[in-house]
Amino acid sequence: MMRAARLLAVILPLAGLAGLWVQSDSHYRTGTEWEVPIEGFDPRDFLRGHYVEFTYGWPGIDEFRDVPPEALCLSGEAPQLAAVTVLPTGQPCTHPVRAQGSGVYGWDALMRGRLYIGQDRATELQQQLQKSDQRGIVTIRQREDGSFTPIAIRFRPLTPEEIAERDAQNEGAEDLRLPPPIMSR
């Protein structure tokens, strides 16, 4: 009897941990995958492990960049993201994403994200991030409850439209630069 009690005392916590792991893994693997353009990369930080930190480039985000929303509604044919709109409270949406206040970025989680990567992949990504002729794409897994997780990153060449937009932004930035100061003797 005493031996059975000890055996149960060991097996029950292990079974509980296994159950929690299965539930967590199942939650992680469910949802709809979307490909989201990204910008503003930080390929890794040795103090906090290997990761890519980025800013989401949601299509249509410019209209509400000054006031980060609490929820967005994704539209398109997954995984191709066509547009993003602010999701007003109580409005229906087939594919919502919501900021989780308890996450790494808190309520700014719809603007910024991070993806942990291995040592070998970190070196490869660092080389790709240095190329200005590529667009970073993060695959997120969006769930019915609005939670989402970045799960992968890849790069693709810039389209001619993206190159023209980048060049126009660079020209606009040059126009805004102040002339060099005049030195007097």
Protein backbone atom coordinates (compact mmCIF):
# COMPACT_ATOMS: atom_id res chain seq x y z
CA MET A 1 0.00 0.00 0.00
CA MET A 2 2.79 2.43 0.96
CA ARG A 3 4.70 1.55 -2.19
CA ALA A 4 1.66 2.27 -4.38
CA ALA A 5 1.17 5.65 -2.67
CA ARG A 6 4.80 6.62 -3.38
CA LEU A 7 4.47 5.51 -6.97
CA LEU A 8 1.30 7.60 -7.35
CA ALA A 9 3.06 10.57 -5.74
CA VAL A 10 5.65 10.41 -8.52
CA ILE A 11 3.37 9.53 -11.43
CA LEU A 12 0.57 12.08 -10.83
CA PRO A 13 2.75 15.22 -11.07
CA LEU A 14 4.48 13.84 -14.17
CA ALA A 15 1.12 13.03 -15.75
CA GLY A 16 -0.07 16.54 -14.91
CA LEU A 17 3.01 18.12 -16.52
CA ALA A 18 2.60 15.92 -19.59
CA GLY A 19 -1.06 16.97 -19.85
CA LEU A 20 -0.13 20.66 -19.61
CA TRP A 21 2.54 20.21 -22.28
CA VAL A 22 0.09 18.46 -24.64
CA GLN A 23 -2.50 21.21 -24.09
CA SER A 24 0.06 23.98 -24.66
CA ASP A 25 1.46 22.27 -27.78
CA SER A 26 -2.05 21.75 -29.16
CA HIS A 27 -2.90 25.44 -28.59
CA TYR A 28 0.37 26.52 -30.27
CA ARG A 29 -0.34 24.42 -33.38
CA THR A 30 -3.95 25.53 -33.92
CA GLY A 31 -5.00 28.56 -35.90
CA THR A 32 -4.71 30.20 -39.29
CA GLU A 33 -1.28 31.07 -40.66
CA TRP A 34 -0.80 34.52 -42.20
CA GLU A 35 2.27 36.07 -43.82
CA VAL A 36 2.91 39.59 -42.50
CA PRO A 37 5.56 41.95 -43.92
CA ILE A 38 8.00 43.25 -41.33
CA GLU A 39 10.46 46.12 -41.02
CA GLY A 40 12.93 47.41 -38.46
CA PHE A 41 14.89 44.26 -37.62
CA ASP A 42 17.20 43.46 -34.71
CA PRO A 43 18.78 40.11 -35.58
CA ARG A 44 19.89 39.09 -32.09
CA ASP A 45 20.76 40.15 -28.59
CA PHE A 46 23.32 37.98 -26.85
CA LEU A 47 22.07 38.96 -23.40
CA ARG A 48 18.56 37.62 -23.97
CA GLY A 49 19.20 34.75 -26.38
CA HIS A 50 18.95 34.50 -30.13
CA TYR A 51 15.94 36.13 -31.71
CA VAL A 52 14.81 38.46 -34.41
CA GLU A 53 12.94 41.49 -33.11
CA PHE A 54 10.87 43.40 -35.65
CA THR A 55 8.07 45.84 -36.35
CA TYR A 56 5.00 44.50 -38.15
CA GLY A 57 4.27 46.16 -41.50
CA TRP A 58 0.51 45.50 -41.47
CA PRO A 59 -1.06 46.58 -44.79
CA GLY A 60 -3.01 49.79 -44.09
CA ILE A 61 -1.32 50.41 -40.71
CA ASP A 62 -0.31 53.99 -41.56
CA GLU A 63 -3.81 55.28 -40.84
CA PHE A 64 -3.55 54.34 -37.15
CA ARG A 65 0.21 54.21 -36.43
CA ASP A 66 0.02 57.13 -33.94
CA VAL A 67 -2.52 55.38 -31.70
CA PRO A 68 -1.83 51.63 -31.54
CA PRO A 69 -5.14 49.74 -31.56
CA GLU A 70 -6.09 47.00 -29.13
CA ALA A 71 -7.35 44.71 -31.92
CA LEU A 72 -7.08 44.34 -35.68
CA CYS A 73 -9.13 42.44 -38.22
CA LEU A 74 -7.17 40.54 -40.89
CA SER A 75 -8.63 40.00 -44.32
CA GLY A 76 -7.47 38.12 -47.37
CA GLU A 77 -7.06 34.50 -48.40
CA ALA A 78 -4.72 32.93 -45.83
CA PRO A 79 -1.78 32.97 -45.85
CA GLN A 80 -1.89 36.05 -48.11
CA LEU A 81 -2.79 39.09 -45.99
CA ALA A 82 -4.66 41.63 -48.14
CA ALA A 83 -5.60 44.31 -45.59
CA VAL A 84 -5.84 45.13 -41.92
CA THR A 85 -8.46 47.30 -40.25
CA VAL A 86 -8.95 48.46 -36.69
CA LEU A 87 -11.44 46.18 -34.95
CA PRO A 88 -13.90 48.25 -32.90
CA THR A 89 -15.00 46.67 -29.61
CA GLY A 90 -17.90 44.28 -30.09
CA GLN A 91 -17.66 44.16 -33.90
CA PRO A 92 -17.51 40.74 -35.58
CA CYS A 93 -14.36 39.63 -37.38
CA THR A 94 -13.45 36.26 -38.85
CA HIS A 95 -9.70 36.70 -38.23
CA PRO A 96 -9.04 39.02 -35.27
CA VAL A 97 -5.67 39.68 -33.64
CA ARG A 98 -5.53 41.30 -30.22
CA ALA A 99 -2.74 42.75 -28.13
CA GLN A 100 -2.15 40.74 -24.98
CA GLY A 101 -1.24 43.05 -22.10
CA SER A 102 0.64 40.24 -20.36
CA GLY A 103 3.05 39.53 -23.25
CA VAL A 104 6.60 40.75 -23.81
CA TYR A 105 5.42 43.94 -25.52
CA GLY A 106 2.18 44.41 -23.60
CA TRP A 107 -0.33 46.50 -25.48
CA ASP A 108 2.29 47.32 -28.15
CA ALA A 109 2.27 43.65 -29.30
CA LEU A 110 0.38 44.51 -32.48
CA MET A 111 3.21 46.80 -33.54
CA ARG A 112 6.28 44.82 -32.42
CA GLY A 113 7.17 41.15 -32.31
CA ARG A 114 10.00 38.74 -31.71
CA LEU A 115 10.85 35.28 -32.95
CA TYR A 116 13.40 33.08 -31.21
CA ILE A 117 15.84 31.31 -33.51
CA GLY A 118 18.79 28.93 -33.26
CA GLN A 119 22.48 29.88 -33.42
CA ASP A 120 22.96 28.69 -37.01
CA ARG A 121 19.85 30.44 -38.25
CA ALA A 122 20.86 33.66 -36.43
CA THR A 123 24.05 33.98 -38.48
CA GLU A 124 22.15 33.32 -41.72
CA LEU A 125 19.46 35.88 -40.82
CA GLN A 126 22.02 38.48 -39.87
CA GLN A 127 23.52 38.22 -43.36
CA GLN A 128 20.09 38.44 -45.02
CA LEU A 129 19.06 41.43 -42.90
CA GLN A 130 22.02 43.41 -44.20
CA LYS A 131 20.67 43.23 -47.76
CA SER A 132 18.44 46.20 -48.61
CA ASP A 133 16.89 44.52 -51.67
CA GLN A 134 14.77 42.06 -49.64
CA ARG A 135 11.48 42.13 -47.72
CA GLY A 136 11.19 40.26 -44.43
CA ILE A 137 8.04 38.18 -44.00
CA VAL A 138 6.94 36.69 -40.68
CA THR A 139 4.41 33.89 -40.57
CA ILE A 140 2.05 34.28 -37.64
CA ARG A 141 -0.45 31.75 -36.34
CA GLN A 142 -3.72 33.57 -35.53
CA ARG A 143 -6.28 31.85 -33.30
CA GLU A 144 -10.05 32.33 -32.94
CA ASP A 145 -9.62 34.10 -29.59
CA GLY A 146 -7.43 36.77 -31.24
CA SER A 147 -4.13 35.58 -29.82
CA PHE A 148 -1.30 35.10 -32.30
CA THR A 149 2.26 33.80 -32.36
CA PRO A 150 5.08 34.48 -34.82
CA ILE A 151 6.32 31.06 -35.95
CA ALA A 152 8.72 31.59 -38.89
CA ILE A 153 10.61 34.20 -40.88
CA ARG A 154 11.69 34.29 -44.50
CA PHE A 155 12.88 36.83 -47.04
CA ARG A 156 11.88 37.57 -50.62
CA PRO A 157 13.23 40.02 -53.19
CA LEU A 158 11.60 43.45 -53.28
CA THR A 159 9.02 43.97 -56.02
CA PRO A 160 9.51 46.85 -58.50
CA GLU A 161 6.75 48.76 -56.66
CA GLU A 162 8.52 48.31 -53.31
CA ILE A 163 11.82 49.45 -54.81
CA ALA A 164 10.13 52.58 -56.23
CA GLU A 165 8.50 53.30 -52.85
CA ARG A 166 11.81 52.84 -51.01
CA ASP A 167 13.61 55.12 -53.47
CA ALA A 168 10.88 57.77 -53.17
CA GLN A 169 11.15 57.66 -49.37
CA ASN A 170 14.94 58.01 -49.59
CA GLU A 171 14.60 61.01 -51.93
CA GLY A 172 12.02 62.56 -49.60
CA ALA A 173 14.36 62.10 -46.65
CA GLU A 174 17.19 63.80 -48.57
CA ASP A 175 14.93 66.77 -49.35
CA LEU A 176 14.18 67.19 -45.63
CA ARG A 177 17.83 67.30 -44.58
CA LEU A 178 19.11 70.65 -43.39
CA PRO A 179 21.95 72.27 -45.30
CA PRO A 180 25.36 72.11 -43.61
CA PRO A 181 25.99 74.91 -41.13
CA ILE A 182 27.86 77.98 -42.37
CA MET A 183 31.14 78.33 -40.57
CA SER A 184 32.18 81.90 -39.73
CA ARG A 185 35.70 83.00 -38.88
